[in-house]
Amino acid sequence: MQLNKGEILFRQGETGPLFHLRSGLLKIMRIHADGTPFLVNIITPGEIIPHHSLISPNPYFGTAVALMPSEAEVISAPDWYRQLEHEPERCREIALLLQDRLRMMQQRIDQLTQVAPADKLRKLQAWFRLYIEPASLTEVLTQDEIGQLIGLRRETVNRLLRAQRAEA
């Protein structure tokens, strides 16, 4: 399944299949009760999502939106869970996949608590370059979303981006 930038793969609260992201990037947005969106995750090629449904079915935790042209393979949930029952070694593969994702999230938490604001932004830009070059971070995320990912206010992100442009 091909997705263009801005297209929605699935919506928060719905139920449905799992997906294997073959190419591109997705953002997972959580919509709060008051309607405020919050960026909670970035999905990279090779991931199977939603993570919280890899062992048992659950409604989608957030809304998945393509950050760039992306390709996702639909995985039938009943087939996936049936395969887990008949091939228990697959559960170990899923556990390792989830372990890697947890380690990445721990690194993100460490980065948020130990690095100066300008360094947080530079590290996020460097990570995104792996997936979006030659585009820039601000071409795929809003300043508010950048701030949500690195624990800064939008105004601080704006100031840091202006400072980077002045240095260039």
N, C-alpha and C. Protein backbone atom coordinates (compact mmCIF):
# COMPACT_ATOMS: atom_id res chain seq x y z
N MET A 1 0.85 -1.16 0.00
CA MET A 1 0.00 0.00 0.00
C MET A 1 0.90 1.24 0.00
N GLN A 2 0.65 2.12 -0.93
CA GLN A 2 1.43 3.36 -1.05
C GLN A 2 0.71 4.48 -0.29
N LEU A 3 1.48 5.28 0.43
CA LEU A 3 0.95 6.44 1.15
C LEU A 3 1.71 7.67 0.70
N ASN A 4 0.99 8.74 0.46
CA ASN A 4 1.63 10.02 0.17
C ASN A 4 1.81 10.77 1.48
N LYS A 5 2.69 11.76 1.47
CA LYS A 5 2.91 12.58 2.66
C LYS A 5 1.57 13.12 3.16
N GLY A 6 1.33 12.93 4.47
CA GLY A 6 0.12 13.42 5.09
C GLY A 6 -1.04 12.44 5.11
N GLU A 7 -0.94 11.34 4.37
CA GLU A 7 -2.02 10.35 4.37
C GLU A 7 -1.99 9.54 5.66
N ILE A 8 -3.18 9.14 6.08
CA ILE A 8 -3.34 8.39 7.33
C ILE A 8 -3.39 6.90 7.03
N LEU A 9 -2.58 6.13 7.76
CA LEU A 9 -2.57 4.68 7.63
C LEU A 9 -3.66 4.06 8.51
N PHE A 10 -3.77 4.53 9.76
CA PHE A 10 -4.84 4.11 10.65
C PHE A 10 -5.09 5.20 11.67
N ARG A 11 -6.27 5.14 12.29
CA ARG A 11 -6.69 6.18 13.24
C ARG A 11 -6.79 5.62 14.66
N GLN A 12 -6.46 6.49 15.60
CA GLN A 12 -6.55 6.16 17.02
C GLN A 12 -7.94 5.62 17.34
N GLY A 13 -7.97 4.51 18.12
CA GLY A 13 -9.22 3.94 18.57
C GLY A 13 -9.81 2.90 17.64
N GLU A 14 -9.41 2.91 16.37
CA GLU A 14 -9.91 1.90 15.44
C GLU A 14 -9.20 0.58 15.69
N THR A 15 -9.73 -0.49 15.13
CA THR A 15 -9.06 -1.78 15.16
C THR A 15 -8.87 -2.23 13.72
N GLY A 16 -7.89 -3.09 13.52
CA GLY A 16 -7.64 -3.56 12.16
C GLY A 16 -6.36 -4.35 12.08
N PRO A 17 -5.79 -4.39 10.89
CA PRO A 17 -4.61 -5.21 10.66
C PRO A 17 -3.36 -4.61 11.28
N LEU A 18 -2.29 -5.36 11.21
CA LEU A 18 -0.97 -4.85 11.53
C LEU A 18 -0.35 -4.41 10.21
N PHE A 19 0.77 -3.69 10.30
CA PHE A 19 1.43 -3.19 9.11
C PHE A 19 2.94 -3.34 9.23
N HIS A 20 3.57 -3.64 8.12
CA HIS A 20 5.03 -3.67 8.03
C HIS A 20 5.43 -2.48 7.17
N LEU A 21 6.17 -1.53 7.76
CA LEU A 21 6.60 -0.35 7.01
C LEU A 21 7.81 -0.73 6.16
N ARG A 22 7.63 -0.73 4.87
CA ARG A 22 8.71 -1.11 3.94
C ARG A 22 9.62 0.06 3.64
N SER A 23 9.06 1.26 3.49
CA SER A 23 9.87 2.45 3.19
C SER A 23 9.13 3.68 3.69
N GLY A 24 9.90 4.76 3.84
CA GLY A 24 9.32 6.01 4.30
C GLY A 24 9.39 6.15 5.81
N LEU A 25 8.61 7.07 6.33
CA LEU A 25 8.52 7.33 7.77
C LEU A 25 7.07 7.63 8.11
N LEU A 26 6.66 7.20 9.30
CA LEU A 26 5.34 7.51 9.82
C LEU A 26 5.49 8.19 11.16
N LYS A 27 4.57 9.08 11.47
CA LYS A 27 4.49 9.62 12.83
C LYS A 27 3.24 9.06 13.47
N ILE A 28 3.33 8.79 14.76
CA ILE A 28 2.18 8.33 15.53
C ILE A 28 1.74 9.50 16.40
N MET A 29 0.52 9.96 16.13
CA MET A 29 -0.05 11.10 16.85
C MET A 29 -1.14 10.59 17.80
N ARG A 30 -1.07 11.02 19.03
CA ARG A 30 -2.09 10.69 20.03
C ARG A 30 -2.96 11.93 20.18
N ILE A 31 -4.26 11.77 20.02
CA ILE A 31 -5.19 12.89 20.15
C ILE A 31 -5.81 12.82 21.54
N HIS A 32 -5.58 13.88 22.33
CA HIS A 32 -6.12 13.93 23.69
C HIS A 32 -7.61 14.24 23.66
N ALA A 33 -8.29 14.06 24.78
CA ALA A 33 -9.74 14.26 24.88
C ALA A 33 -10.15 15.67 24.45
N ASP A 34 -9.29 16.66 24.68
CA ASP A 34 -9.62 18.04 24.29
C ASP A 34 -9.30 18.33 22.82
N GLY A 35 -8.84 17.29 22.08
CA GLY A 35 -8.55 17.45 20.66
C GLY A 35 -7.11 17.83 20.35
N THR A 36 -6.29 18.02 21.36
CA THR A 36 -4.90 18.40 21.16
C THR A 36 -4.09 17.20 20.68
N PRO A 37 -3.40 17.34 19.54
CA PRO A 37 -2.56 16.24 19.07
C PRO A 37 -1.19 16.27 19.74
N PHE A 38 -0.60 15.10 19.95
CA PHE A 38 0.73 15.00 20.53
C PHE A 38 1.50 13.90 19.81
N LEU A 39 2.68 14.23 19.34
CA LEU A 39 3.52 13.27 18.63
C LEU A 39 4.18 12.35 19.64
N VAL A 40 3.92 11.04 19.51
CA VAL A 40 4.44 10.09 20.49
C VAL A 40 5.52 9.17 19.93
N ASN A 41 5.59 9.02 18.59
CA ASN A 41 6.57 8.08 18.06
C ASN A 41 6.81 8.34 16.58
N ILE A 42 7.97 7.91 16.12
CA ILE A 42 8.33 7.90 14.71
C ILE A 42 8.58 6.45 14.33
N ILE A 43 7.97 6.00 13.25
CA ILE A 43 8.11 4.62 12.79
C ILE A 43 9.04 4.63 11.58
N THR A 44 10.05 3.77 11.61
CA THR A 44 11.05 3.71 10.56
C THR A 44 10.91 2.42 9.74
N PRO A 45 11.50 2.39 8.55
CA PRO A 45 11.37 1.19 7.71
C PRO A 45 11.82 -0.08 8.44
N GLY A 46 11.05 -1.14 8.19
CA GLY A 46 11.35 -2.43 8.81
C GLY A 46 10.49 -2.73 10.03
N GLU A 47 9.86 -1.73 10.60
CA GLU A 47 9.06 -1.96 11.80
C GLU A 47 7.70 -2.54 11.45
N ILE A 48 7.20 -3.37 12.36
CA ILE A 48 5.84 -3.89 12.28
C ILE A 48 5.06 -3.18 13.37
N ILE A 49 3.94 -2.60 12.99
CA ILE A 49 3.14 -1.80 13.93
C ILE A 49 1.68 -2.21 13.87
N PRO A 50 0.92 -1.90 14.88
CA PRO A 50 1.28 -1.22 16.11
C PRO A 50 2.03 -2.16 17.07
N HIS A 51 3.04 -1.60 17.74
CA HIS A 51 3.87 -2.39 18.65
C HIS A 51 3.05 -3.05 19.75
N HIS A 52 2.08 -2.32 20.29
CA HIS A 52 1.31 -2.84 21.42
C HIS A 52 0.34 -3.96 21.01
N SER A 53 0.28 -4.28 19.74
CA SER A 53 -0.60 -5.35 19.27
C SER A 53 0.15 -6.52 18.65
N LEU A 54 1.44 -6.60 18.88
CA LEU A 54 2.21 -7.68 18.26
C LEU A 54 1.92 -9.04 18.89
N ILE A 55 1.50 -9.07 20.13
CA ILE A 55 1.20 -10.34 20.81
C ILE A 55 -0.30 -10.57 20.92
N SER A 56 -1.06 -9.51 21.15
CA SER A 56 -2.51 -9.64 21.25
C SER A 56 -3.16 -8.38 20.67
N PRO A 57 -4.36 -8.52 20.11
CA PRO A 57 -5.01 -7.38 19.45
C PRO A 57 -5.46 -6.31 20.44
N ASN A 58 -5.31 -5.07 20.04
CA ASN A 58 -5.78 -3.90 20.79
C ASN A 58 -6.16 -2.83 19.79
N PRO A 59 -7.05 -1.92 20.17
CA PRO A 59 -7.33 -0.78 19.29
C PRO A 59 -6.05 0.02 19.09
N TYR A 60 -5.97 0.72 17.97
CA TYR A 60 -4.79 1.54 17.68
C TYR A 60 -4.64 2.63 18.74
N PHE A 61 -3.43 2.76 19.29
CA PHE A 61 -3.14 3.72 20.35
C PHE A 61 -3.15 5.15 19.83
N GLY A 62 -2.74 5.35 18.59
CA GLY A 62 -2.67 6.67 18.00
C GLY A 62 -2.99 6.60 16.53
N THR A 63 -2.85 7.73 15.87
CA THR A 63 -3.09 7.85 14.44
C THR A 63 -1.74 7.85 13.72
N ALA A 64 -1.59 6.99 12.71
CA ALA A 64 -0.34 6.89 11.95
C ALA A 64 -0.47 7.73 10.68
N VAL A 65 0.46 8.68 10.51
CA VAL A 65 0.44 9.60 9.39
C VAL A 65 1.79 9.53 8.67
N ALA A 66 1.75 9.45 7.34
CA ALA A 66 2.99 9.40 6.55
C ALA A 66 3.68 10.76 6.58
N LEU A 67 4.98 10.76 6.92
CA LEU A 67 5.78 11.98 6.91
C LEU A 67 6.37 12.26 5.53
N MET A 68 6.36 11.24 4.71
CA MET A 68 6.92 11.32 3.36
C MET A 68 6.29 10.18 2.57
N PRO A 69 6.49 10.12 1.26
CA PRO A 69 5.96 8.95 0.55
C PRO A 69 6.46 7.67 1.21
N SER A 70 5.53 6.77 1.48
CA SER A 70 5.84 5.56 2.25
C SER A 70 5.12 4.37 1.66
N GLU A 71 5.67 3.19 1.95
CA GLU A 71 5.02 1.96 1.52
C GLU A 71 4.86 1.06 2.74
N ALA A 72 3.63 0.59 2.96
CA ALA A 72 3.34 -0.30 4.08
C ALA A 72 2.64 -1.54 3.56
N GLU A 73 3.04 -2.68 4.10
CA GLU A 73 2.41 -3.95 3.77
C GLU A 73 1.37 -4.27 4.85
N VAL A 74 0.17 -4.61 4.43
CA VAL A 74 -0.89 -4.98 5.36
C VAL A 74 -0.66 -6.43 5.80
N ILE A 75 -0.75 -6.65 7.13
CA ILE A 75 -0.61 -7.99 7.70
C ILE A 75 -1.93 -8.33 8.37
N SER A 76 -2.57 -9.38 7.93
CA SER A 76 -3.84 -9.81 8.50
C SER A 76 -3.64 -10.16 9.98
N ALA A 77 -4.38 -9.50 10.85
CA ALA A 77 -4.26 -9.77 12.29
C ALA A 77 -4.61 -11.22 12.62
N PRO A 78 -5.73 -11.77 12.13
CA PRO A 78 -6.03 -13.17 12.46
C PRO A 78 -4.92 -14.13 12.01
N ASP A 79 -4.38 -13.90 10.82
CA ASP A 79 -3.28 -14.76 10.34
C ASP A 79 -2.05 -14.61 11.22
N TRP A 80 -1.73 -13.37 11.60
CA TRP A 80 -0.57 -13.08 12.45
C TRP A 80 -0.68 -13.83 13.79
N TYR A 81 -1.83 -13.69 14.46
CA TYR A 81 -2.00 -14.32 15.78
C TYR A 81 -2.08 -15.84 15.68
N ARG A 82 -2.68 -16.34 14.62
CA ARG A 82 -2.74 -17.79 14.40
C ARG A 82 -1.32 -18.33 14.21
N GLN A 83 -0.49 -17.61 13.46
CA GLN A 83 0.89 -18.03 13.24
C GLN A 83 1.67 -18.04 14.56
N LEU A 84 1.41 -17.08 15.43
CA LEU A 84 2.07 -17.06 16.74
C LEU A 84 1.72 -18.30 17.56
N GLU A 85 0.47 -18.73 17.47
CA GLU A 85 0.05 -19.92 18.21
C GLU A 85 0.74 -21.18 17.71
N HIS A 86 0.94 -21.26 16.40
CA HIS A 86 1.51 -22.47 15.80
C HIS A 86 3.04 -22.44 15.71
N GLU A 87 3.62 -21.26 15.85
CA GLU A 87 5.08 -21.13 15.77
C GLU A 87 5.56 -20.28 16.96
N PRO A 88 5.64 -20.87 18.14
CA PRO A 88 5.99 -20.11 19.35
C PRO A 88 7.35 -19.42 19.26
N GLU A 89 8.26 -19.92 18.41
CA GLU A 89 9.56 -19.26 18.28
C GLU A 89 9.42 -17.84 17.74
N ARG A 90 8.32 -17.56 17.07
CA ARG A 90 8.06 -16.19 16.58
C ARG A 90 7.89 -15.22 17.74
N CYS A 91 7.42 -15.70 18.88
CA CYS A 91 7.26 -14.84 20.05
C CYS A 91 8.61 -14.31 20.51
N ARG A 92 9.66 -15.12 20.40
CA ARG A 92 11.00 -14.66 20.74
C ARG A 92 11.44 -13.55 19.80
N GLU A 93 11.15 -13.70 18.52
CA GLU A 93 11.48 -12.65 17.54
C GLU A 93 10.78 -11.34 17.90
N ILE A 94 9.53 -11.44 18.29
CA ILE A 94 8.78 -10.25 18.68
C ILE A 94 9.35 -9.64 19.95
N ALA A 95 9.71 -10.48 20.90
CA ALA A 95 10.31 -9.99 22.14
C ALA A 95 11.61 -9.24 21.84
N LEU A 96 12.43 -9.76 20.94
CA LEU A 96 13.67 -9.08 20.57
C LEU A 96 13.39 -7.76 19.86
N LEU A 97 12.39 -7.75 19.00
CA LEU A 97 12.00 -6.53 18.31
C LEU A 97 11.55 -5.47 19.32
N LEU A 98 10.71 -5.87 20.26
CA LEU A 98 10.23 -4.94 21.27
C LEU A 98 11.36 -4.48 22.19
N GLN A 99 12.30 -5.37 22.48
CA GLN A 99 13.46 -5.01 23.28
C GLN A 99 14.26 -3.92 22.58
N ASP A 100 14.49 -4.06 21.28
CA ASP A 100 15.22 -3.03 20.53
C ASP A 100 14.49 -1.70 20.58
N ARG A 101 13.18 -1.75 20.44
CA ARG A 101 12.38 -0.52 20.47
C ARG A 101 12.45 0.12 21.85
N LEU A 102 12.39 -0.69 22.90
CA LEU A 102 12.49 -0.18 24.27
C LEU A 102 13.86 0.48 24.50
N ARG A 103 14.92 -0.15 24.01
CA ARG A 103 16.25 0.45 24.16
C ARG A 103 16.34 1.79 23.45
N MET A 104 15.74 1.88 22.25
CA MET A 104 15.74 3.15 21.53
C MET A 104 15.00 4.21 22.34
N MET A 105 13.88 3.84 22.94
CA MET A 105 13.11 4.80 23.75
C MET A 105 13.91 5.21 24.99
N GLN A 106 14.66 4.28 25.59
CA GLN A 106 15.50 4.62 26.74
C GLN A 106 16.58 5.61 26.34
N GLN A 107 17.17 5.41 25.16
CA GLN A 107 18.18 6.35 24.67
C GLN A 107 17.57 7.73 24.47
N ARG A 108 16.34 7.77 23.96
CA ARG A 108 15.66 9.05 23.76
C ARG A 108 15.42 9.74 25.09
N ILE A 109 15.03 8.98 26.10
CA ILE A 109 14.81 9.56 27.43
C ILE A 109 16.13 10.10 27.98
N ASP A 110 17.22 9.33 27.84
CA ASP A 110 18.52 9.81 28.29
C ASP A 110 18.90 11.10 27.59
N GLN A 111 18.67 11.14 26.29
CA GLN A 111 19.00 12.34 25.51
C GLN A 111 18.20 13.54 26.02
N LEU A 112 16.92 13.33 26.33
CA LEU A 112 16.08 14.43 26.79
C LEU A 112 16.52 14.97 28.14
N THR A 113 17.09 14.13 28.97
CA THR A 113 17.42 14.56 30.33
C THR A 113 18.85 15.03 30.51
N GLN A 114 19.73 14.80 29.53
CA GLN A 114 21.14 15.11 29.73
C GLN A 114 21.75 16.11 28.77
N VAL A 115 21.05 16.51 27.74
CA VAL A 115 21.67 17.29 26.68
C VAL A 115 21.10 18.70 26.65
N ALA A 116 21.96 19.68 26.31
CA ALA A 116 21.53 21.07 26.16
C ALA A 116 20.52 21.17 25.01
N PRO A 117 19.60 22.13 25.06
CA PRO A 117 18.58 22.26 24.02
C PRO A 117 19.12 22.27 22.59
N ALA A 118 20.17 23.03 22.33
CA ALA A 118 20.73 23.09 20.97
C ALA A 118 21.27 21.73 20.55
N ASP A 119 21.85 20.99 21.49
CA ASP A 119 22.35 19.65 21.17
C ASP A 119 21.21 18.67 20.91
N LYS A 120 20.12 18.81 21.66
CA LYS A 120 18.95 17.95 21.43
C LYS A 120 18.48 18.11 19.99
N LEU A 121 18.38 19.35 19.55
CA LEU A 121 17.92 19.63 18.19
C LEU A 121 18.90 19.07 17.17
N ARG A 122 20.18 19.29 17.37
CA ARG A 122 21.19 18.77 16.42
C ARG A 122 21.15 17.25 16.34
N LYS A 123 21.00 16.58 17.48
CA LYS A 123 20.94 15.11 17.48
C LYS A 123 19.70 14.61 16.75
N LEU A 124 18.57 15.28 16.96
CA LEU A 124 17.35 14.89 16.25
C LEU A 124 17.51 15.11 14.75
N GLN A 125 18.10 16.24 14.36
CA GLN A 125 18.32 16.51 12.94
C GLN A 125 19.23 15.47 12.32
N ALA A 126 20.28 15.08 13.04
CA ALA A 126 21.21 14.07 12.51
C ALA A 126 20.49 12.73 12.34
N TRP A 127 19.67 12.35 13.31
CA TRP A 127 18.94 11.09 13.21
C TRP A 127 17.98 11.12 12.02
N PHE A 128 17.24 12.20 11.86
CA PHE A 128 16.28 12.30 10.76
C PHE A 128 16.98 12.31 9.41
N ARG A 129 18.19 12.90 9.34
CA ARG A 129 18.92 12.93 8.07
C ARG A 129 19.10 11.54 7.48
N LEU A 130 19.23 10.54 8.35
CA LEU A 130 19.39 9.16 7.89
C LEU A 130 18.22 8.72 7.02
N TYR A 131 17.05 9.32 7.23
CA TYR A 131 15.84 8.88 6.56
C TYR A 131 15.28 9.87 5.54
N ILE A 132 15.58 11.15 5.71
CA ILE A 132 14.88 12.14 4.88
C ILE A 132 15.78 12.96 3.96
N GLU A 133 17.08 12.81 4.05
CA GLU A 133 17.97 13.65 3.24
C GLU A 133 17.60 13.50 1.78
N PRO A 134 17.53 14.55 1.02
CA PRO A 134 18.05 15.90 1.27
C PRO A 134 17.07 16.85 1.95
N ALA A 135 15.88 16.39 2.29
CA ALA A 135 14.91 17.26 2.96
C ALA A 135 15.43 17.65 4.35
N SER A 136 14.87 18.71 4.89
CA SER A 136 15.24 19.12 6.24
C SER A 136 14.16 18.67 7.22
N LEU A 137 14.51 18.69 8.49
CA LEU A 137 13.59 18.26 9.55
C LEU A 137 12.30 19.07 9.51
N THR A 138 12.42 20.38 9.26
CA THR A 138 11.24 21.25 9.26
C THR A 138 10.35 21.03 8.04
N GLU A 139 10.80 20.25 7.08
CA GLU A 139 9.95 19.91 5.93
C GLU A 139 9.03 18.73 6.25
N VAL A 140 9.34 17.96 7.30
CA VAL A 140 8.51 16.81 7.64
C VAL A 140 7.80 16.94 8.98
N LEU A 141 8.30 17.79 9.87
CA LEU A 141 7.67 18.01 11.17
C LEU A 141 7.48 19.50 11.42
N THR A 142 6.42 19.83 12.14
CA THR A 142 6.22 21.22 12.55
C THR A 142 7.17 21.52 13.72
N GLN A 143 7.35 22.79 14.02
CA GLN A 143 8.19 23.15 15.16
C GLN A 143 7.59 22.61 16.46
N ASP A 144 6.28 22.59 16.55
CA ASP A 144 5.62 22.04 17.73
C ASP A 144 5.94 20.55 17.88
N GLU A 145 5.87 19.79 16.76
CA GLU A 145 6.17 18.36 16.80
C GLU A 145 7.64 18.12 17.15
N ILE A 146 8.53 18.93 16.62
CA ILE A 146 9.96 18.81 16.96
C ILE A 146 10.12 19.00 18.46
N GLY A 147 9.47 20.01 19.00
CA GLY A 147 9.52 20.27 20.44
C GLY A 147 8.98 19.11 21.25
N GLN A 148 7.90 18.49 20.78
CA GLN A 148 7.33 17.35 21.49
C GLN A 148 8.30 16.19 21.53
N LEU A 149 9.04 15.98 20.44
CA LEU A 149 10.00 14.87 20.39
C LEU A 149 11.20 15.08 21.31
N ILE A 150 11.62 16.33 21.48
CA ILE A 150 12.85 16.57 22.24
C ILE A 150 12.61 17.32 23.55
N GLY A 151 11.35 17.47 23.92
CA GLY A 151 11.04 18.05 25.22
C GLY A 151 11.28 19.54 25.33
N LEU A 152 11.01 20.27 24.25
CA LEU A 152 11.18 21.72 24.24
C LEU A 152 9.90 22.40 23.80
N ARG A 153 9.75 23.65 24.19
CA ARG A 153 8.61 24.44 23.72
C ARG A 153 8.83 24.85 22.27
N ARG A 154 7.75 25.07 21.55
CA ARG A 154 7.85 25.47 20.14
C ARG A 154 8.68 26.74 19.99
N GLU A 155 8.52 27.68 20.91
CA GLU A 155 9.25 28.93 20.85
C GLU A 155 10.76 28.70 20.95
N THR A 156 11.16 27.75 21.79
CA THR A 156 12.58 27.43 21.93
C THR A 156 13.10 26.80 20.64
N VAL A 157 12.32 25.90 20.05
CA VAL A 157 12.72 25.28 18.78
C VAL A 157 12.88 26.36 17.72
N ASN A 158 11.95 27.29 17.66
CA ASN A 158 12.01 28.38 16.69
C ASN A 158 13.29 29.19 16.87
N ARG A 159 13.61 29.54 18.12
CA ARG A 159 14.82 30.31 18.41
C ARG A 159 16.08 29.55 18.01
N LEU A 160 16.12 28.25 18.31
CA LEU A 160 17.29 27.43 17.96
C LEU A 160 17.46 27.30 16.45
N LEU A 161 16.35 27.14 15.73
CA LEU A 161 16.43 27.04 14.27
C LEU A 161 16.91 28.35 13.67
N ARG A 162 16.43 29.48 14.20
CA ARG A 162 16.90 30.79 13.72
C ARG A 162 18.39 30.95 13.97
N ALA A 163 18.86 30.51 15.13
CA ALA A 163 20.28 30.60 15.46
C ALA A 163 21.10 29.74 14.51
N GLN A 164 20.60 28.56 14.17
CA GLN A 164 21.31 27.68 13.20
C GLN A 164 21.41 28.35 11.84
N ARG A 165 20.33 28.98 11.40
CA ARG A 165 20.35 29.66 10.10
C ARG A 165 21.33 30.82 10.11
N ALA A 166 21.43 31.52 11.24
CA ALA A 166 22.34 32.66 11.35
C ALA A 166 23.81 32.19 11.31
N GLU A 167 24.06 30.99 11.87
CA GLU A 167 25.42 30.44 11.87
C GLU A 167 25.85 29.96 10.49
N ALA A 168 24.87 29.57 9.67
CA ALA A 168 25.20 28.96 8.34
C ALA A 168 25.68 29.97 7.33
